[in-house]
N, C-alpha and C. Protein backbone atom coordinates (compact mmCIF):
# COMPACT_ATOMS: atom_id res chain seq x y z
N MET A 1 -104.31 44.21 2.55
CA MET A 1 -103.54 44.04 4.03
C MET A 1 -103.63 45.38 4.73
N GLY A 2 -104.12 45.12 5.87
CA GLY A 2 -104.09 46.41 6.59
C GLY A 2 -102.67 46.86 7.45
N VAL A 3 -102.71 47.56 8.07
CA VAL A 3 -101.30 47.78 8.96
C VAL A 3 -102.01 47.37 10.50
N ILE A 4 -100.86 47.37 11.39
CA ILE A 4 -101.16 46.91 12.85
C ILE A 4 -100.10 47.77 13.67
N PRO A 5 -100.94 48.51 14.47
CA PRO A 5 -100.13 49.37 15.26
C PRO A 5 -99.11 48.75 16.27
N ASP A 6 -98.01 49.57 16.53
CA ASP A 6 -97.28 48.88 17.54
C ASP A 6 -97.80 48.95 19.15
N LYS A 7 -98.52 49.99 19.31
CA LYS A 7 -98.80 50.76 20.34
C LYS A 7 -100.29 51.72 20.52
N PHE A 8 -100.91 51.11 21.40
CA PHE A 8 -102.30 52.13 21.48
C PHE A 8 -102.39 52.71 22.92
N ILE A 9 -102.44 53.92 23.01
CA ILE A 9 -102.00 54.77 24.20
C ILE A 9 -103.28 55.76 24.35
N LEU A 10 -103.77 55.52 25.71
CA LEU A 10 -105.12 56.27 26.09
C LEU A 10 -104.65 57.37 27.14
N LEU A 11 -104.92 58.69 26.79
CA LEU A 11 -104.51 59.67 27.89
C LEU A 11 -106.00 59.94 28.73
N ASN A 12 -105.84 59.67 29.84
CA ASN A 12 -106.82 60.04 30.88
C ASN A 12 -106.84 60.86 31.55
N GLN A 13 -108.07 61.67 32.11
CA GLN A 13 -108.00 62.86 33.07
C GLN A 13 -109.61 63.00 33.59
N ASP A 14 -109.54 63.77 34.68
CA ASP A 14 -110.59 63.87 35.59
C ASP A 14 -111.66 64.29 34.69
N ASP A 15 -112.93 63.67 34.96
CA ASP A 15 -114.17 64.43 34.33
C ASP A 15 -114.52 65.91 34.46
N GLN A 16 -114.02 66.53 35.59
CA GLN A 16 -114.22 67.82 35.67
C GLN A 16 -113.53 68.70 34.83
N MET A 17 -112.19 68.16 34.53
CA MET A 17 -111.24 68.90 33.85
C MET A 17 -111.50 68.55 32.26
N THR A 18 -112.21 67.49 31.73
CA THR A 18 -112.67 67.41 30.50
C THR A 18 -113.99 68.45 30.30
N LEU A 19 -114.68 68.35 31.57
CA LEU A 19 -115.91 69.43 31.42
C LEU A 19 -115.74 70.72 30.68
N GLU A 20 -114.50 71.13 31.70
CA GLU A 20 -114.13 72.54 31.72
C GLU A 20 -113.74 72.74 30.04
N ALA A 21 -112.69 71.65 29.63
CA ALA A 21 -112.17 71.75 28.21
C ALA A 21 -113.19 72.12 27.29
N VAL A 22 -114.52 71.11 27.34
CA VAL A 22 -115.48 71.53 26.32
C VAL A 22 -116.09 72.52 26.50
N LYS A 23 -116.39 73.14 27.98
CA LYS A 23 -116.87 74.45 27.92
C LYS A 23 -116.17 75.50 27.24
N ARG A 24 -114.73 75.64 27.33
CA ARG A 24 -113.72 76.53 26.91
C ARG A 24 -114.15 76.52 25.37
N ASN A 25 -114.00 75.13 24.86
CA ASN A 25 -114.19 74.93 23.46
C ASN A 25 -115.62 75.66 22.77
N LEU A 26 -116.61 75.33 23.50
CA LEU A 26 -117.80 75.81 22.96
C LEU A 26 -117.75 77.30 23.11
N SER A 27 -117.16 77.92 24.03
CA SER A 27 -117.27 79.53 24.39
C SER A 27 -116.52 80.19 23.51
N GLY A 28 -115.59 79.29 22.32
CA GLY A 28 -114.71 79.92 21.52
C GLY A 28 -113.64 80.23 21.95
N GLU A 29 -113.19 79.83 23.55
CA GLU A 29 -111.99 80.06 23.85
C GLU A 29 -110.95 79.07 24.07
N GLY A 30 -111.14 77.72 23.85
CA GLY A 30 -110.67 76.77 24.15
C GLY A 30 -109.67 76.74 22.70
N GLU A 31 -108.67 75.72 22.99
CA GLU A 31 -107.73 75.14 21.94
C GLU A 31 -108.09 73.85 21.09
N ILE A 32 -109.38 73.37 21.63
CA ILE A 32 -109.46 71.95 20.92
C ILE A 32 -110.50 72.35 19.57
N LYS A 33 -109.86 71.83 18.50
CA LYS A 33 -110.44 72.18 17.25
C LYS A 33 -111.34 70.85 16.84
N SER A 34 -112.05 71.00 17.19
CA SER A 34 -113.49 70.08 17.18
C SER A 34 -114.58 70.61 16.27
N GLY A 35 -114.55 71.79 15.78
CA GLY A 35 -115.58 72.08 14.66
C GLY A 35 -116.81 72.63 15.14
N LEU A 36 -116.92 72.55 16.57
CA LEU A 36 -118.18 72.93 17.30
C LEU A 36 -118.28 74.35 17.08
N VAL A 37 -119.38 75.10 17.08
CA VAL A 37 -120.16 75.84 17.09
C VAL A 37 -119.88 76.82 18.39
N ARG A 38 -119.52 78.11 18.04
CA ARG A 38 -119.84 78.79 19.68
C ARG A 38 -120.94 78.98 20.10
N ILE A 39 -121.07 78.58 21.29
CA ILE A 39 -122.41 78.66 22.29
C ILE A 39 -122.36 79.50 23.15
N ASP A 40 -123.01 80.86 23.50
CA ASP A 40 -123.04 81.79 24.38
C ASP A 40 -123.81 81.78 25.28
N ASP A 41 -124.97 80.83 25.26
CA ASP A 41 -126.01 80.43 26.64
C ASP A 41 -125.37 79.61 27.32
N LEU A 42 -124.83 80.01 28.74
CA LEU A 42 -124.16 79.33 29.70
C LEU A 42 -124.81 78.00 30.09
N ARG A 43 -126.28 77.97 30.33
CA ARG A 43 -127.03 76.92 30.66
C ARG A 43 -126.79 75.96 29.35
N GLN A 44 -126.89 76.37 28.19
CA GLN A 44 -127.11 75.36 27.17
C GLN A 44 -125.43 74.88 26.93
N ARG A 45 -124.53 75.67 27.28
CA ARG A 45 -123.33 75.25 27.13
C ARG A 45 -122.85 73.99 28.13
N GLU A 46 -123.08 74.68 29.42
CA GLU A 46 -123.02 73.25 30.44
C GLU A 46 -123.88 72.04 29.93
N ARG A 47 -125.06 72.32 29.43
CA ARG A 47 -125.85 70.90 29.05
C ARG A 47 -125.05 70.21 28.12
N ILE A 48 -124.60 70.80 26.92
CA ILE A 48 -123.93 70.12 26.02
C ILE A 48 -122.41 69.59 26.11
N ALA A 49 -121.84 70.41 27.29
CA ALA A 49 -120.74 69.73 27.85
C ALA A 49 -120.60 68.60 28.61
N GLN A 50 -121.79 68.63 29.54
CA GLN A 50 -122.00 67.33 30.28
C GLN A 50 -122.43 66.25 29.33
N ASN A 51 -123.26 66.36 28.06
CA ASN A 51 -123.75 65.19 27.66
C ASN A 51 -122.37 64.65 26.53
N ALA A 52 -121.65 65.71 26.09
CA ALA A 52 -120.11 65.22 25.68
C ALA A 52 -119.11 64.40 26.34
N VAL A 53 -119.42 64.91 27.69
CA VAL A 53 -118.44 63.88 28.44
C VAL A 53 -118.94 62.53 28.91
N LEU A 54 -120.44 62.54 28.90
CA LEU A 54 -121.08 61.25 29.07
C LEU A 54 -120.78 60.65 27.92
N GLU A 55 -121.18 61.08 26.74
CA GLU A 55 -120.90 60.11 25.49
C GLU A 55 -119.43 59.82 25.41
N TYR A 56 -118.35 60.88 25.52
CA TYR A 56 -117.11 60.26 25.45
C TYR A 56 -117.20 59.29 26.35
N ASN A 57 -117.32 59.31 27.80
CA ASN A 57 -117.10 58.00 28.56
C ASN A 57 -117.56 56.69 28.21
N LEU A 58 -118.97 56.76 27.68
CA LEU A 58 -119.57 55.55 27.23
C LEU A 58 -118.79 55.22 25.96
N GLN A 59 -118.46 55.73 25.17
CA GLN A 59 -117.79 55.30 23.98
C GLN A 59 -116.43 54.59 24.60
N ILE A 60 -115.70 55.36 25.02
CA ILE A 60 -114.24 54.93 25.46
C ILE A 60 -114.08 53.90 26.25
N GLN A 61 -115.16 53.69 27.35
CA GLN A 61 -115.55 52.27 27.91
C GLN A 61 -115.24 51.01 27.26
N GLY A 62 -116.26 51.41 25.89
CA GLY A 62 -116.23 50.20 25.29
C GLY A 62 -114.94 49.81 24.46
N VAL A 63 -114.31 51.08 24.05
CA VAL A 63 -113.00 50.53 23.45
C VAL A 63 -111.91 49.99 24.50
N GLN A 64 -111.94 50.63 25.60
CA GLN A 64 -111.03 50.00 26.55
C GLN A 64 -111.16 48.46 26.77
N ASN A 65 -112.89 47.99 26.83
CA ASN A 65 -112.98 46.67 27.18
C ASN A 65 -112.52 45.87 26.31
N ILE A 66 -112.76 46.18 24.87
CA ILE A 66 -112.74 45.50 23.70
C ILE A 66 -111.11 45.21 23.81
N CYS A 67 -110.30 46.37 23.89
CA CYS A 67 -108.86 46.28 23.71
C CYS A 67 -108.20 46.29 25.18
N ARG A 68 -108.90 45.69 26.06
CA ARG A 68 -108.14 45.01 27.14
C ARG A 68 -107.06 44.51 26.75
N GLY A 69 -105.65 44.44 27.61
CA GLY A 69 -104.26 43.89 27.20
C GLY A 69 -103.37 44.60 26.36
N PHE A 70 -104.25 45.27 25.47
CA PHE A 70 -103.45 45.77 24.14
C PHE A 70 -103.35 47.26 24.56
N ILE A 71 -104.24 48.01 25.39
CA ILE A 71 -104.18 49.49 25.43
C ILE A 71 -103.38 49.96 26.96
N THR A 72 -102.56 50.93 26.37
CA THR A 72 -101.59 51.57 27.96
C THR A 72 -102.39 52.80 27.86
N GLU A 73 -102.80 53.06 29.40
CA GLU A 73 -103.43 54.24 29.53
C GLU A 73 -102.37 55.16 30.73
N LEU A 74 -102.50 56.59 30.25
CA LEU A 74 -101.56 57.51 31.18
C LEU A 74 -102.71 58.55 31.74
N GLU A 75 -102.15 59.17 32.97
CA GLU A 75 -102.73 60.37 33.31
C GLU A 75 -102.11 61.66 32.48
N SER A 76 -103.10 62.28 31.90
CA SER A 76 -102.31 63.49 31.23
C SER A 76 -102.18 64.69 31.88
N ASN A 77 -103.11 64.74 33.31
CA ASN A 77 -102.64 65.91 34.12
C ASN A 77 -101.37 66.19 34.83
N GLN A 78 -100.34 65.30 34.31
CA GLN A 78 -99.11 65.37 34.57
C GLN A 78 -98.35 66.48 34.08
N SER A 79 -97.01 66.78 34.46
CA SER A 79 -96.42 67.51 33.65
C SER A 79 -96.25 67.34 32.19
N GLU A 80 -96.23 68.11 31.24
CA GLU A 80 -95.70 67.89 29.94
C GLU A 80 -94.60 66.97 29.60
N MET A 81 -93.57 67.19 30.40
CA MET A 81 -92.25 66.44 30.30
C MET A 81 -92.53 64.67 30.85
N ARG A 82 -93.26 65.23 31.83
CA ARG A 82 -93.61 63.61 32.32
C ARG A 82 -94.11 62.93 31.54
N VAL A 83 -95.52 62.92 30.99
CA VAL A 83 -96.19 62.53 29.89
C VAL A 83 -95.42 62.06 28.92
N VAL A 84 -94.78 62.99 28.11
CA VAL A 84 -93.65 62.74 27.22
C VAL A 84 -92.85 61.60 27.39
N GLU A 85 -92.08 61.49 28.48
CA GLU A 85 -91.05 60.73 29.41
C GLU A 85 -92.01 59.35 29.32
N GLU A 86 -93.33 59.20 29.75
CA GLU A 86 -93.74 58.03 30.02
C GLU A 86 -94.35 57.44 28.53
N ILE A 87 -94.81 58.51 27.67
CA ILE A 87 -95.05 57.62 26.45
C ILE A 87 -93.81 57.25 25.45
N ASN A 88 -92.56 57.84 25.64
CA ASN A 88 -91.27 57.36 25.15
C ASN A 88 -90.97 55.95 25.83
N ARG A 89 -91.14 55.87 26.94
CA ARG A 89 -90.85 54.50 27.75
C ARG A 89 -91.89 53.30 27.00
N ILE A 90 -92.92 53.75 26.71
CA ILE A 90 -94.18 52.61 26.25
C ILE A 90 -93.44 52.37 25.22
N LEU A 91 -92.95 53.22 24.13
CA LEU A 91 -92.82 53.08 22.95
C LEU A 91 -91.62 52.25 22.63
N LYS A 92 -90.75 52.04 23.78
CA LYS A 92 -89.55 51.46 23.67
C LYS A 92 -89.73 49.91 24.09
N LEU A 93 -90.96 49.73 24.74
CA LEU A 93 -91.37 48.59 25.20
C LEU A 93 -91.72 47.45 24.22
N LYS A 94 -90.99 47.36 23.00
CA LYS A 94 -91.49 46.72 22.00
C LYS A 94 -90.84 45.25 21.79
N ASN A 95 -91.64 44.17 21.16
CA ASN A 95 -91.08 42.84 21.09
C ASN A 95 -89.59 42.75 20.24
N THR A 96 -88.45 42.66 21.05
CA THR A 96 -87.30 42.38 20.79
C THR A 96 -87.34 41.44 19.09
N ASN A 97 -88.18 40.28 19.55
CA ASN A 97 -88.10 39.56 18.42
C ASN A 97 -88.79 39.91 17.07
N ALA A 98 -89.45 41.01 16.87
CA ALA A 98 -90.38 41.38 15.88
C ALA A 98 -89.48 42.15 15.11
N PRO A 99 -90.07 42.26 13.87
CA PRO A 99 -88.91 42.86 12.78
C PRO A 99 -88.93 44.37 12.88
N ARG A 100 -87.74 44.89 12.76
CA ARG A 100 -87.70 46.34 12.75
C ARG A 100 -88.63 46.96 11.78
N ARG A 101 -89.21 47.88 12.22
CA ARG A 101 -90.25 48.86 11.40
C ARG A 101 -90.09 50.22 12.02
N PRO A 102 -90.64 51.40 11.47
CA PRO A 102 -91.19 52.49 11.79
C PRO A 102 -92.29 52.42 13.09
N GLN A 103 -92.43 53.35 13.81
CA GLN A 103 -93.21 53.21 14.87
C GLN A 103 -94.73 53.75 14.11
N ARG A 104 -95.67 52.59 14.57
CA ARG A 104 -97.21 53.00 14.44
C ARG A 104 -97.86 53.10 15.78
N ILE A 105 -98.37 54.15 15.83
CA ILE A 105 -99.00 54.22 17.10
C ILE A 105 -100.45 54.78 17.12
N ILE A 106 -101.38 54.52 18.10
CA ILE A 106 -102.76 55.10 18.08
C ILE A 106 -102.73 55.99 19.42
N LEU A 107 -102.86 57.14 19.27
CA LEU A 107 -102.98 57.95 20.70
C LEU A 107 -104.52 58.41 21.02
N MET A 108 -105.31 58.10 21.87
CA MET A 108 -106.67 58.54 21.94
C MET A 108 -106.50 59.50 23.44
N GLY A 109 -107.73 60.15 23.58
CA GLY A 109 -107.65 61.06 24.96
C GLY A 109 -108.62 61.71 25.11
N SER A 110 -109.50 62.13 26.20
CA SER A 110 -110.38 63.19 26.18
C SER A 110 -110.23 64.61 25.89
N PRO A 111 -111.21 65.18 25.31
CA PRO A 111 -111.24 66.69 25.11
C PRO A 111 -110.46 67.34 26.25
N GLY A 112 -109.22 68.07 25.90
CA GLY A 112 -108.50 68.83 26.93
C GLY A 112 -107.49 68.06 27.30
N SER A 113 -107.00 66.94 26.98
CA SER A 113 -106.02 65.65 27.50
C SER A 113 -104.72 66.22 26.91
N LYS A 114 -104.88 67.27 25.80
CA LYS A 114 -103.52 67.82 25.15
C LYS A 114 -102.83 66.48 24.37
N LYS A 115 -103.99 65.91 23.89
CA LYS A 115 -103.36 64.72 23.07
C LYS A 115 -102.81 64.99 21.72
N GLU A 116 -103.21 66.32 21.23
CA GLU A 116 -102.74 66.70 19.84
C GLU A 116 -101.39 67.15 19.99
N GLN A 117 -101.36 67.89 21.18
CA GLN A 117 -99.69 68.52 21.50
C GLN A 117 -98.96 67.13 21.84
N PHE A 118 -99.11 66.14 22.55
CA PHE A 118 -98.27 65.31 22.91
C PHE A 118 -98.08 64.41 21.28
N ALA A 119 -99.10 64.13 20.62
CA ALA A 119 -98.85 63.23 19.36
C ALA A 119 -97.72 64.17 18.57
N LEU A 120 -97.89 65.73 18.37
CA LEU A 120 -96.91 66.15 17.63
C LEU A 120 -95.66 66.27 17.99
N ARG A 121 -95.57 66.22 19.43
CA ARG A 121 -94.18 66.04 19.91
C ARG A 121 -93.54 64.76 19.84
N ILE A 122 -94.35 63.80 19.79
CA ILE A 122 -93.89 62.20 19.43
C ILE A 122 -93.75 62.15 17.85
N ALA A 123 -94.51 62.63 17.16
CA ALA A 123 -94.36 62.73 15.80
C ALA A 123 -93.05 63.41 15.27
N GLU A 124 -92.66 64.22 15.93
CA GLU A 124 -91.23 65.19 15.90
C GLU A 124 -90.04 64.30 16.09
N LYS A 125 -90.34 63.60 17.34
CA LYS A 125 -89.26 62.72 17.79
C LYS A 125 -88.86 61.64 17.20
N TYR A 126 -90.16 60.84 16.75
CA TYR A 126 -89.68 59.75 15.95
C TYR A 126 -89.60 59.77 14.62
N GLN A 127 -90.07 61.08 14.09
CA GLN A 127 -90.04 61.35 12.45
C GLN A 127 -91.08 60.36 11.91
N VAL A 128 -92.12 60.53 12.28
CA VAL A 128 -93.47 59.58 11.81
C VAL A 128 -94.53 60.67 11.47
N VAL A 129 -95.40 60.04 10.69
CA VAL A 129 -96.58 60.92 9.97
C VAL A 129 -97.33 61.23 11.10
N TYR A 130 -97.91 62.60 11.47
CA TYR A 130 -98.95 62.71 12.43
C TYR A 130 -100.42 63.03 11.48
N VAL A 131 -101.39 62.02 11.80
CA VAL A 131 -102.51 61.87 11.17
C VAL A 131 -103.73 62.09 12.25
N GLN A 132 -104.19 63.16 11.69
CA GLN A 132 -105.49 63.42 12.82
C GLN A 132 -106.95 63.28 11.99
N VAL A 133 -107.86 62.75 12.60
CA VAL A 133 -109.08 62.29 11.91
C VAL A 133 -109.73 63.62 11.53
N GLN A 134 -110.06 64.46 12.08
CA GLN A 134 -110.75 65.70 11.78
C GLN A 134 -109.99 66.56 10.83
N GLN A 135 -108.62 66.36 10.94
CA GLN A 135 -107.90 67.28 9.78
C GLN A 135 -108.04 66.70 8.89
N LEU A 136 -108.05 65.31 8.50
CA LEU A 136 -108.30 64.66 7.28
C LEU A 136 -109.66 64.90 6.66
N ILE A 137 -110.53 65.26 7.28
CA ILE A 137 -112.03 65.40 7.14
C ILE A 137 -111.90 66.71 6.46
N ARG A 138 -111.63 67.65 7.29
CA ARG A 138 -111.43 69.21 6.83
C ARG A 138 -110.42 69.30 5.53
N GLU A 139 -109.50 68.40 5.20
CA GLU A 139 -108.63 68.47 4.10
C GLU A 139 -109.53 68.09 2.85
N VAL A 140 -110.42 66.85 3.05
CA VAL A 140 -111.25 66.49 1.87
C VAL A 140 -112.14 67.69 1.50
N THR A 141 -112.94 68.19 2.27
CA THR A 141 -113.94 69.29 2.08
C THR A 141 -113.66 70.36 1.62
N ARG A 142 -112.12 70.78 1.83
CA ARG A 142 -111.59 71.87 1.39
C ARG A 142 -111.47 71.54 -0.09
N ARG A 143 -110.75 70.41 -0.57
CA ARG A 143 -110.54 70.01 -1.87
C ARG A 143 -111.40 70.20 -2.93
N ASN A 144 -110.87 70.56 -4.34
CA ASN A 144 -112.11 70.56 -5.13
C ASN A 144 -112.54 69.11 -5.97
N ASP A 145 -112.17 68.00 -5.16
CA ASP A 145 -112.35 66.77 -5.47
C ASP A 145 -113.95 66.62 -6.20
N ASP A 146 -114.24 66.13 -7.23
CA ASP A 146 -115.73 66.14 -7.71
C ASP A 146 -115.90 64.58 -7.73
N ASN A 147 -115.99 63.68 -6.70
CA ASN A 147 -116.23 62.44 -7.05
C ASN A 147 -117.34 62.12 -5.83
N ASP A 148 -117.72 60.93 -6.01
CA ASP A 148 -119.21 60.75 -4.89
C ASP A 148 -118.56 60.68 -3.75
N TYR A 149 -117.40 59.82 -3.48
CA TYR A 149 -116.94 59.96 -1.94
C TYR A 149 -116.87 61.71 -1.48
N ALA A 150 -115.86 62.55 -2.27
CA ALA A 150 -115.97 63.62 -1.55
C ALA A 150 -117.43 64.22 -1.15
N ARG A 151 -118.15 64.31 -2.40
CA ARG A 151 -119.53 64.84 -2.44
C ARG A 151 -120.15 64.33 -1.12
N GLN A 152 -120.08 63.32 -0.93
CA GLN A 152 -120.79 62.57 0.12
C GLN A 152 -120.46 63.32 1.51
N LEU A 153 -119.20 63.13 1.85
CA LEU A 153 -118.19 63.75 2.88
C LEU A 153 -118.74 65.23 3.00
N LYS A 154 -118.66 66.18 1.86
CA LYS A 154 -119.10 67.32 1.93
C LYS A 154 -120.55 67.65 2.40
N SER A 155 -121.61 66.78 1.95
CA SER A 155 -122.87 66.83 2.50
C SER A 155 -123.08 66.44 4.01
N TYR A 156 -122.50 65.47 4.41
CA TYR A 156 -122.64 65.37 5.71
C TYR A 156 -122.16 66.68 6.93
N ILE A 157 -120.95 67.20 6.36
CA ILE A 157 -120.46 68.58 7.05
C ILE A 157 -121.66 69.56 7.04
N ALA A 158 -121.89 69.85 5.50
CA ALA A 158 -122.85 70.91 5.41
C ALA A 158 -124.29 70.67 5.91
N GLN A 159 -124.69 69.88 6.23
CA GLN A 159 -125.97 69.51 6.99
C GLN A 159 -125.66 69.22 8.34
N ASP A 160 -124.43 69.51 8.63
CA ASP A 160 -124.11 69.41 10.59
C ASP A 160 -124.47 67.68 11.01
N ARG A 161 -124.26 66.74 10.08
CA ARG A 161 -124.52 65.47 10.60
C ARG A 161 -122.98 64.71 10.78
N ILE A 162 -123.25 63.73 11.69
CA ILE A 162 -122.09 63.03 12.09
C ILE A 162 -121.74 62.13 10.84
N VAL A 163 -120.31 62.27 10.72
CA VAL A 163 -120.03 61.37 9.47
C VAL A 163 -119.86 60.14 9.78
N PRO A 164 -120.38 59.28 9.03
CA PRO A 164 -120.36 57.78 9.66
C PRO A 164 -119.07 57.15 9.64
N ASP A 165 -119.04 56.06 10.58
CA ASP A 165 -117.97 55.35 10.87
C ASP A 165 -117.20 54.73 9.86
N GLU A 166 -117.79 54.32 8.77
CA GLU A 166 -117.50 53.71 7.79
C GLU A 166 -116.61 54.60 6.91
N VAL A 167 -116.98 55.54 6.76
CA VAL A 167 -116.57 56.72 6.21
C VAL A 167 -115.29 57.26 6.87
N VAL A 168 -115.24 57.53 8.06
CA VAL A 168 -114.15 57.81 8.92
C VAL A 168 -113.03 56.75 8.73
N ILE A 169 -113.19 55.23 8.80
CA ILE A 169 -112.15 54.43 8.50
C ILE A 169 -111.75 54.16 7.11
N ASP A 170 -112.64 54.16 6.24
CA ASP A 170 -112.19 54.91 4.86
C ASP A 170 -111.03 55.82 4.47
N LEU A 171 -111.40 56.89 5.31
CA LEU A 171 -110.60 57.69 5.21
C LEU A 171 -109.34 57.44 5.93
N VAL A 172 -109.27 57.18 7.01
CA VAL A 172 -107.95 56.81 7.96
C VAL A 172 -106.92 55.54 7.13
N ASN A 173 -107.91 54.59 6.36
CA ASN A 173 -107.01 53.60 5.88
C ASN A 173 -106.41 54.09 4.83
N GLU A 174 -107.20 55.08 3.82
CA GLU A 174 -106.70 55.55 2.55
C GLU A 174 -105.19 56.53 3.17
N ARG A 175 -105.33 57.11 4.00
CA ARG A 175 -104.09 57.74 4.73
C ARG A 175 -102.81 57.10 5.17
N LEU A 176 -103.52 56.07 5.92
CA LEU A 176 -102.27 55.27 6.36
C LEU A 176 -101.58 54.42 5.22
N SER A 177 -102.21 54.26 4.08
CA SER A 177 -102.15 53.33 3.09
C SER A 177 -100.83 53.96 2.18
N LYS A 178 -100.52 55.34 2.43
CA LYS A 178 -99.97 56.25 1.52
C LYS A 178 -98.20 55.93 1.87
N PRO A 179 -97.73 56.23 0.89
CA PRO A 179 -96.12 55.72 0.81
C PRO A 179 -95.38 56.44 2.03
N ASP A 180 -95.41 57.78 2.44
CA ASP A 180 -95.05 58.05 3.75
C ASP A 180 -95.30 57.78 5.06
N CYS A 181 -96.59 57.49 5.25
CA CYS A 181 -96.86 56.44 6.20
C CYS A 181 -96.20 55.28 6.32
N ARG A 182 -96.54 54.31 5.09
CA ARG A 182 -95.79 52.96 5.23
C ARG A 182 -94.28 53.07 5.37
N LEU A 183 -93.65 54.14 5.24
CA LEU A 183 -91.86 54.13 5.04
C LEU A 183 -91.78 54.74 6.33
N ASN A 184 -92.52 55.66 6.85
CA ASN A 184 -92.11 56.42 8.01
C ASN A 184 -92.55 55.95 9.13
N GLY A 185 -93.68 55.50 9.10
CA GLY A 185 -94.62 55.22 10.45
C GLY A 185 -95.53 56.33 10.60
N TRP A 186 -96.35 56.14 11.27
CA TRP A 186 -97.55 56.98 11.97
C TRP A 186 -97.70 57.08 13.47
N ILE A 187 -98.63 58.41 13.83
CA ILE A 187 -99.33 58.32 15.09
C ILE A 187 -100.42 58.84 14.71
N LEU A 188 -101.60 58.05 15.11
CA LEU A 188 -103.13 58.36 14.56
C LEU A 188 -103.60 58.86 15.76
N ASP A 189 -104.28 59.92 15.61
CA ASP A 189 -105.00 60.87 16.83
C ASP A 189 -106.52 61.30 16.17
N GLY A 190 -107.61 60.53 17.31
CA GLY A 190 -108.85 60.61 16.94
C GLY A 190 -109.65 59.29 16.77
N CYS A 191 -108.98 58.43 16.68
CA CYS A 191 -109.73 57.05 15.89
C CYS A 191 -108.64 55.88 16.46
N PRO A 192 -109.22 55.01 16.99
CA PRO A 192 -110.83 54.66 17.16
C PRO A 192 -111.60 55.43 18.27
N PHE A 193 -112.85 55.79 18.18
CA PHE A 193 -113.58 56.39 19.19
C PHE A 193 -114.99 55.68 19.59
N ASN A 194 -114.98 54.58 18.89
CA ASN A 194 -116.07 53.62 19.42
C ASN A 194 -116.17 52.22 19.05
N LEU A 195 -116.82 51.27 19.43
CA LEU A 195 -116.80 49.95 19.26
C LEU A 195 -116.70 49.76 17.65
N LYS A 196 -117.71 50.32 17.09
CA LYS A 196 -117.83 50.16 15.62
C LYS A 196 -116.55 50.26 14.89
N GLN A 197 -115.96 51.74 15.25
CA GLN A 197 -114.62 51.99 14.77
C GLN A 197 -113.52 50.85 14.91
N ILE A 198 -113.63 50.51 15.95
CA ILE A 198 -112.67 49.14 16.50
C ILE A 198 -112.86 48.03 15.49
N GLN A 199 -113.93 47.70 15.42
CA GLN A 199 -114.36 46.34 14.43
C GLN A 199 -114.10 46.95 13.29
N LEU A 200 -114.55 47.73 12.60
CA LEU A 200 -113.99 48.28 11.29
C LEU A 200 -112.45 48.11 11.08
N LEU A 201 -111.81 48.73 12.12
CA LEU A 201 -110.17 48.68 11.98
C LEU A 201 -109.71 47.37 11.81
N ARG A 202 -110.45 46.38 12.95
CA ARG A 202 -110.14 44.93 12.90
C ARG A 202 -110.34 44.44 11.37
N ASP A 203 -111.54 44.57 10.82
CA ASP A 203 -111.73 44.19 9.58
C ASP A 203 -110.24 44.51 8.46
N LEU A 204 -109.96 45.73 8.66
CA LEU A 204 -108.69 46.03 7.99
C LEU A 204 -107.38 45.54 8.52
N LYS A 205 -107.57 44.94 9.73
CA LYS A 205 -106.06 44.36 10.10
C LYS A 205 -105.38 45.58 10.79
N ILE A 206 -105.92 46.70 11.26
CA ILE A 206 -105.84 48.10 11.97
C ILE A 206 -105.96 47.74 13.09
N GLU A 207 -105.45 46.83 14.36
CA GLU A 207 -105.42 46.89 15.72
C GLU A 207 -104.08 46.72 16.31
N PRO A 208 -104.05 47.11 17.57
CA PRO A 208 -103.21 46.90 18.50
C PRO A 208 -102.56 45.16 18.39
N GLN A 209 -101.33 44.85 18.44
CA GLN A 209 -100.81 43.44 18.59
C GLN A 209 -100.20 43.41 20.16
C-alpha cells in the first residue's frame, strides 16, 4: 500500500530567472546540486540552459495538467519569509475530518526557485524527513551495496545516462516506506518530474488527494 501526500506545492518563477540559474550552475558558480559538469564555453552554456528551460516547462506543464485541482502554485521570486508563510498557510488547509497524521508534502520547482532551501525550512518547522531525489541517487552510488539494483544505478551514472523513471520511483517508494518517514512524515523534493513519474506514483498510491 502506498502513501498519499496531503499537499503538492509547485514553486514558479520567470523563465529568464530559471535560465540564469541554470547557466550559473553550468559555470560552476550556482548552488543548484544537479550533478551537471562545468561548461566553460559561453555559447554551449547558453544553448544547454535554453534547452533545459524548455524541457522543464514541457514536463511540468504535463504534471500541472494531470494534477489540476490537487496542485497549489506559488511564485518563488517573493521574499523568503513571504514564501515560507504561504507554504505554512497551505499546509494548514487540511481536511478537518481527515485522521490526524504527520505532514506528507511534495514540493516541486524550477532550477533556481530555492525549493531545496524552502523544503529544508519546512522540514525543520514540522519535524518531517526531507527526501531529495538526487541525494537518494548519490547515496546509493556511494554505498558499497553489491546487488543488481545498486549495480544498475551505478552503471547509469557512470555512463552519464538518465536514470529511468521506474528506478527513480522505486528508490522514492523505498525511502518513503522507511519507519522515520512513516512515523514523522516527509517532504519530497524533485519528484514527480514528468507524466510517467506521476503515473508510476499513482500505481503506488503516492499522489495528492
